[in-house]
Amino acid sequence: MFSSHILSEVQALCNRVCVIDKGHLVAEDTIENLNRKLHIKPKLIIKVRETTKISAGELEGIDGVDEVEVKDNEIAIICDGNRKLQIMEDKNMGIVIEDFRTIEPSVEDVFVKLLEGEK
């Protein structure tokens, strides 16, 4: 057992987590299962040469895409983890992808989502 308020340590060291709020057990499971139960999804960040050829509306229509933000030459897509590659392949539509990365959900995301329901 390991107890910490430093959530990055918990993420690095633990397979299962318990979230306790004001002495009450709020959740206990693996980080992956908590992400799934709370509908917390990864964010796909795609850097493109130019964004004028693609709109947020086009991407939001793709199965598995929850939210899209287009800013300058960067597209941020919150989507199902198993759809990231298909999204990039389906919507390449003549745009040049210069780089991409994924921001995976964290223990902190789980903690915030669980406790925002408490307010």
Protein backbone atom coordinates (compact mmCIF):
# COMPACT_ATOMS: atom_id res chain seq x y z
CA MET A 1 0.00 0.00 0.00
CA PHE A 2 1.14 3.51 -0.83
CA SER A 3 -0.49 6.76 0.25
CA SER A 4 0.26 10.14 -1.29
CA HIS A 5 -1.28 13.46 -2.22
CA ILE A 6 1.25 13.72 -5.05
CA LEU A 7 -0.79 12.26 -7.87
CA SER A 8 2.12 11.96 -10.32
CA GLU A 9 3.79 9.58 -7.83
CA VAL A 10 0.60 7.55 -7.56
CA GLN A 11 0.40 7.37 -11.37
CA ALA A 12 4.01 6.18 -11.64
CA LEU A 13 3.93 3.60 -8.85
CA CYS A 14 0.45 2.15 -8.56
CA ASN A 15 -1.70 -0.26 -10.57
CA ARG A 16 -4.82 0.38 -8.50
CA VAL A 17 -5.92 3.55 -6.78
CA CYS A 18 -8.34 4.55 -4.05
CA VAL A 19 -9.73 8.06 -3.92
CA ILE A 20 -10.74 9.21 -0.46
CA ASP A 21 -12.59 12.47 0.13
CA LYS A 22 -13.26 13.74 3.66
CA GLY A 23 -12.67 10.26 5.06
CA HIS A 24 -15.02 8.51 2.63
CA LEU A 25 -13.93 6.08 -0.07
CA VAL A 26 -15.10 7.60 -3.36
CA ALA A 27 -13.58 5.09 -5.80
CA GLU A 28 -11.25 2.10 -5.99
CA ASP A 29 -10.07 0.47 -9.22
CA THR A 30 -7.33 0.54 -11.84
CA ILE A 31 -6.65 3.88 -13.47
CA GLU A 32 -7.76 2.48 -16.84
CA ASN A 33 -11.07 1.20 -15.44
CA LEU A 34 -11.75 4.49 -13.67
CA ASN A 35 -11.05 6.39 -16.90
CA ARG A 36 -13.51 4.13 -18.72
CA LYS A 37 -16.21 4.38 -16.03
CA LEU A 38 -15.89 8.16 -15.85
CA HIS A 39 -15.70 8.56 -19.65
CA ILE A 40 -12.30 10.24 -19.51
CA LYS A 41 -10.66 9.98 -22.91
CA PRO A 42 -7.24 10.77 -24.34
CA LYS A 43 -6.52 13.95 -26.26
CA LEU A 44 -4.92 13.63 -29.69
CA ILE A 45 -2.85 16.68 -30.64
CA ILE A 46 -2.13 16.97 -34.37
CA LYS A 47 0.18 19.67 -35.72
CA VAL A 48 -0.60 20.46 -39.34
CA ARG A 49 1.00 22.73 -41.91
CA GLU A 50 -2.21 24.76 -42.23
CA THR A 51 -5.67 24.42 -40.67
CA THR A 52 -7.72 26.25 -43.28
CA LYS A 53 -8.45 22.98 -45.09
CA ILE A 54 -10.16 21.33 -42.13
CA SER A 55 -12.89 22.42 -39.75
CA ALA A 56 -13.82 21.32 -36.26
CA GLY A 57 -17.27 20.38 -37.57
CA GLU A 58 -15.84 17.87 -40.04
CA LEU A 59 -13.87 16.16 -37.29
CA GLU A 60 -16.70 16.21 -34.76
CA GLY A 61 -18.75 14.09 -37.16
CA ILE A 62 -16.32 11.18 -36.90
CA ASP A 63 -17.37 8.19 -34.80
CA GLY A 64 -15.55 8.22 -31.45
CA VAL A 65 -14.76 11.96 -31.47
CA ASP A 66 -16.18 13.90 -28.51
CA GLU A 67 -14.63 17.33 -28.82
CA VAL A 68 -12.45 19.23 -31.30
CA GLU A 69 -10.53 22.48 -30.98
CA VAL A 70 -8.69 23.99 -33.95
CA LYS A 71 -6.20 26.72 -33.09
CA ASP A 72 -3.54 28.04 -35.43
CA ASN A 73 -1.80 24.97 -36.85
CA GLU A 74 -2.84 22.60 -34.05
CA ILE A 75 -5.90 20.39 -33.81
CA ALA A 76 -6.83 18.95 -30.38
CA ILE A 77 -9.25 16.02 -30.48
CA ILE A 78 -10.73 14.27 -27.44
CA CYS A 79 -11.61 10.81 -28.69
CA ASP A 80 -11.87 7.12 -27.95
CA GLY A 81 -8.37 5.75 -27.43
CA ASN A 82 -8.84 2.96 -29.94
CA ARG A 83 -9.88 5.42 -32.69
CA LYS A 84 -6.82 7.71 -32.74
CA LEU A 85 -5.13 6.12 -35.75
CA GLN A 86 -8.37 5.82 -37.74
CA ILE A 87 -9.13 9.50 -37.09
CA MET A 88 -5.75 10.55 -38.47
CA GLU A 89 -6.12 8.25 -41.48
CA ASP A 90 -9.78 9.10 -42.17
CA LYS A 91 -9.36 12.84 -42.00
CA ASN A 92 -5.96 13.38 -43.59
CA MET A 93 -8.00 14.98 -46.44
CA GLY A 94 -5.02 16.57 -48.15
CA ILE A 95 -3.63 18.23 -45.02
CA VAL A 96 0.00 17.67 -44.15
CA ILE A 97 0.49 16.28 -40.64
CA GLU A 98 3.79 17.53 -39.31
CA ASP A 99 3.63 15.97 -35.87
CA PHE A 100 1.22 14.36 -33.43
CA ARG A 101 1.13 13.26 -29.81
CA THR A 102 -1.35 11.85 -27.38
CA ILE A 103 -2.07 13.12 -23.89
CA GLU A 104 -3.35 10.12 -21.96
CA PRO A 105 -5.76 10.58 -19.05
CA SER A 106 -4.06 10.75 -15.65
CA VAL A 107 -4.87 9.99 -12.04
CA GLU A 108 -5.35 13.73 -11.60
CA ASP A 109 -8.06 13.69 -14.30
CA VAL A 110 -9.81 10.88 -12.41
CA PHE A 111 -9.49 12.73 -9.09
CA VAL A 112 -10.89 15.98 -10.50
CA LYS A 113 -13.79 14.22 -12.27
CA LEU A 114 -14.73 12.24 -9.15
CA LEU A 115 -14.65 15.25 -6.86
CA GLU A 116 -16.38 17.69 -9.20
CA GLY A 117 -19.52 15.60 -8.68
CA GLU A 118 -19.22 16.23 -4.95
CA LYS A 119 -19.74 19.99 -5.31
